[in-house]
Protein backbone atom coordinates (compact mmCIF):
# COMPACT_ATOMS: atom_id res chain seq x y z
CA UNK A 1 20.69 78.47 42.67
CA UNK A 2 19.34 75.01 42.86
CA UNK A 3 15.47 74.30 42.81
CA UNK A 4 15.19 71.78 45.81
CA UNK A 5 11.98 70.06 46.19
CA UNK A 6 10.22 70.83 49.38
CA UNK A 7 10.08 67.54 51.15
CA UNK A 8 6.09 66.29 51.96
CA UNK A 9 5.13 65.08 55.12
CA UNK A 10 4.84 61.41 53.38
CA UNK A 11 8.66 62.16 52.69
CA UNK A 12 9.56 62.95 56.19
CA UNK A 13 7.55 59.85 57.72
CA UNK A 14 9.57 57.71 54.90
CA UNK A 15 12.96 58.72 56.26
CA UNK A 16 11.33 58.37 59.88
CA UNK A 17 10.27 54.84 59.00
CA UNK A 18 13.89 53.95 57.91
CA UNK A 19 15.75 55.60 60.67
CA UNK A 20 13.34 53.40 63.29
CA UNK A 21 14.21 50.10 61.19
CA UNK A 22 17.78 51.06 61.72
CA UNK A 23 17.68 52.05 65.56
CA UNK A 24 16.01 48.81 65.83
CA UNK A 25 18.75 47.02 64.34
CA UNK A 26 21.57 48.50 66.82
CA UNK A 27 22.83 46.42 69.69
CA UNK A 28 21.16 47.51 73.25
CA UNK A 29 24.04 48.71 75.39
CA UNK A 30 23.50 51.19 78.42
CA UNK A 31 23.02 54.86 77.13
CA UNK A 32 22.38 53.68 73.46
CA UNK A 33 19.26 51.90 75.01
CA UNK A 34 17.90 54.94 76.52
CA UNK A 35 18.52 56.91 73.56
CA UNK A 36 16.94 54.74 71.08
CA UNK A 37 13.87 54.66 73.53
CA UNK A 38 13.32 58.14 73.89
CA UNK A 39 13.94 59.04 70.21
CA UNK A 40 11.24 56.14 69.15
CA UNK A 41 9.13 57.43 71.65
CA UNK A 42 9.67 60.93 70.23
CA UNK A 43 8.61 60.05 66.76
CA UNK A 44 5.65 58.40 67.88
CA UNK A 45 4.38 61.65 69.70
CA UNK A 46 5.17 64.05 66.50
CA UNK A 47 2.20 66.43 66.63
CA UNK A 48 1.28 65.72 62.75
CA UNK A 49 -1.29 62.68 62.96
CA UNK A 50 -0.85 62.55 59.15
CA UNK A 51 2.81 61.90 60.00
CA UNK A 52 2.03 59.42 62.74
CA UNK A 53 -0.41 57.46 60.79
CA UNK A 54 2.10 56.97 58.03
CA UNK A 55 4.53 56.13 60.45
CA UNK A 56 2.15 53.45 62.31
CA UNK A 57 1.74 51.54 58.79
CA UNK A 58 5.42 50.90 58.17
CA UNK A 59 7.31 51.52 61.63
CA UNK A 60 9.25 49.18 63.61
CA UNK A 61 7.85 47.09 66.43
CA UNK A 62 9.47 49.22 69.21
CA UNK A 63 7.90 52.64 67.55
CA UNK A 64 4.63 50.39 66.90
CA UNK A 65 4.37 49.51 70.68
CA UNK A 66 4.29 53.50 71.18
CA UNK A 67 1.86 54.11 68.61
CA UNK A 68 -0.84 51.94 69.70
CA UNK A 69 -1.77 54.30 72.40
CA UNK A 70 -1.68 57.16 70.41
CA UNK A 71 -4.90 59.77 71.02
CA UNK A 72 -5.88 59.71 67.26
CA UNK A 73 -7.92 56.98 66.33
CA UNK A 74 -6.88 56.93 62.63
CA UNK A 75 -3.21 56.29 64.14
CA UNK A 76 -4.50 53.17 66.02
CA UNK A 77 -6.34 51.77 63.33
CA UNK A 78 -2.97 52.55 61.02
CA UNK A 79 -1.26 50.22 63.38
CA UNK A 80 -3.36 47.08 62.61
CA UNK A 81 -2.01 47.15 58.76
CA UNK A 82 1.54 47.25 60.37
CA UNK A 83 3.42 43.91 59.57
CA UNK A 84 4.47 43.65 63.04
CA UNK A 85 0.64 43.57 64.08
CA UNK A 86 1.21 40.10 64.47
CA UNK A 87 2.85 40.84 67.88
CA UNK A 88 0.70 39.45 70.77
CA UNK A 89 1.01 42.77 72.86
CA UNK A 90 0.06 44.93 69.95
CA UNK A 91 -3.20 42.64 69.00
CA UNK A 92 -3.99 42.79 72.67
CA UNK A 93 -3.76 46.72 72.75
CA UNK A 94 -5.66 46.85 69.70
CA UNK A 95 -8.29 44.41 70.37
CA UNK A 96 -8.98 46.28 73.43
CA UNK A 97 -9.10 49.63 71.74
CA UNK A 98 -12.31 51.66 72.82
CA UNK A 99 -12.88 52.62 69.22
CA UNK A 100 -14.64 49.84 67.26
CA UNK A 101 -13.03 50.60 63.82
CA UNK A 102 -9.68 49.81 65.39
CA UNK A 103 -10.77 46.30 66.75
CA UNK A 104 -12.28 45.77 63.33
CA UNK A 105 -9.67 46.75 61.21
CA UNK A 106 -7.32 44.10 63.28
CA UNK A 107 -10.00 41.42 62.57
CA UNK A 108 -9.63 42.43 58.85
CA UNK A 109 -5.65 42.40 58.77
CA UNK A 110 -4.44 39.89 61.39
CA UNK A 111 -5.01 36.12 62.57
CA UNK A 112 -5.34 37.02 66.20
CA UNK A 113 -4.22 35.32 68.67
CA UNK A 114 -6.38 33.81 71.48
CA UNK A 115 -5.87 36.61 74.25
CA UNK A 116 -6.82 38.96 71.85
CA UNK A 117 -9.98 37.19 70.95
CA UNK A 118 -10.90 36.76 74.55
CA UNK A 119 -10.59 40.36 74.73
CA UNK A 120 -12.68 41.07 71.95
CA UNK A 121 -15.27 38.78 73.31
CA UNK A 122 -15.19 40.37 76.84
CA UNK A 123 -15.37 43.97 74.96
CA UNK A 124 -18.31 46.32 74.07
CA UNK A 125 -18.28 46.37 70.39
CA UNK A 126 -21.01 43.99 68.99
CA UNK A 127 -19.94 44.54 65.67
CA UNK A 128 -16.30 43.33 66.03
CA UNK A 129 -18.07 40.10 68.00
CA UNK A 130 -19.58 39.24 64.94
CA UNK A 131 -16.83 39.90 62.86
CA UNK A 132 -15.06 37.52 65.08
CA UNK A 133 -17.59 34.52 64.79
CA UNK A 134 -16.85 34.62 61.12
CA UNK A 135 -13.47 33.59 61.72
CA UNK A 136 -13.03 29.90 60.68
CA UNK A 137 -9.91 28.99 63.40
CA UNK A 138 -11.47 29.97 66.90
CA UNK A 139 -11.27 27.39 69.42
CA UNK A 140 -14.40 25.40 70.40
CA UNK A 141 -14.79 27.11 73.83
CA UNK A 142 -14.40 30.60 72.49
CA UNK A 143 -17.14 30.34 69.85
CA UNK A 144 -19.46 29.03 72.47
CA UNK A 145 -18.66 32.05 74.57
CA UNK A 146 -19.00 34.06 71.56
CA UNK A 147 -22.38 32.52 70.85
CA UNK A 148 -23.92 33.19 74.32
CA UNK A 149 -22.42 36.63 74.48
CA UNK A 150 -24.23 37.47 70.76
CA UNK A 151 -27.10 35.79 71.50
CA UNK A 152 -27.39 37.29 75.59
CA UNK A 153 -30.89 38.93 76.61
CA UNK A 154 -32.45 37.51 73.67
CA UNK A 155 -31.22 40.31 71.02
CA UNK A 156 -31.29 39.52 67.20
CA UNK A 157 -27.87 39.63 65.70
CA UNK A 158 -27.43 40.25 62.14
CA UNK A 159 -24.57 38.13 60.92
CA UNK A 160 -22.92 36.75 57.70
CA UNK A 161 -23.33 33.46 56.36
CA UNK A 162 -19.78 32.57 57.54
CA UNK A 163 -20.52 33.65 60.95
CA UNK A 164 -23.78 31.67 61.13
CA UNK A 165 -22.14 28.62 60.20
CA UNK A 166 -19.23 29.08 62.60
CA UNK A 167 -21.84 29.63 65.29
CA UNK A 168 -24.15 26.65 64.51
CA UNK A 169 -21.08 24.39 64.72
CA UNK A 170 -21.35 25.26 68.41
CA UNK A 171 -24.80 24.06 68.99
């Protein structure tokens, strides 16, 4: 009778995004709180990576908290593009990620907090440290630690001009 178009995974993810924002706006009380938490967790565990990645970019903060620990690197990287990535807990989770691409996405998209910057300096990703050095708003003590970390063991570091200027300001 009617030709109903089959929804794509993006259409379903868009509906899920609207649903998560609606849930986030509901008042919290007893059983509803547990239902909201379990529903958001279930959406974040959807088996399709494309669905979770699309959800990560636009989901509510509550859903994003589940997605920053996703097993798939591309989903965690997509979390850095979400407007709620300004949340301190989200930034700390992404800054401490095992994948360098996730940390770099965070640095490209968010003006990170001091705790997240500390985590990057202490972390294993040299490229992320170089990208952090290019940030202009770093506190002096953090710049000094970063300069020491990047020059540790006498290894040469290739950095862009902005990073060099920021590190020279420490010397």
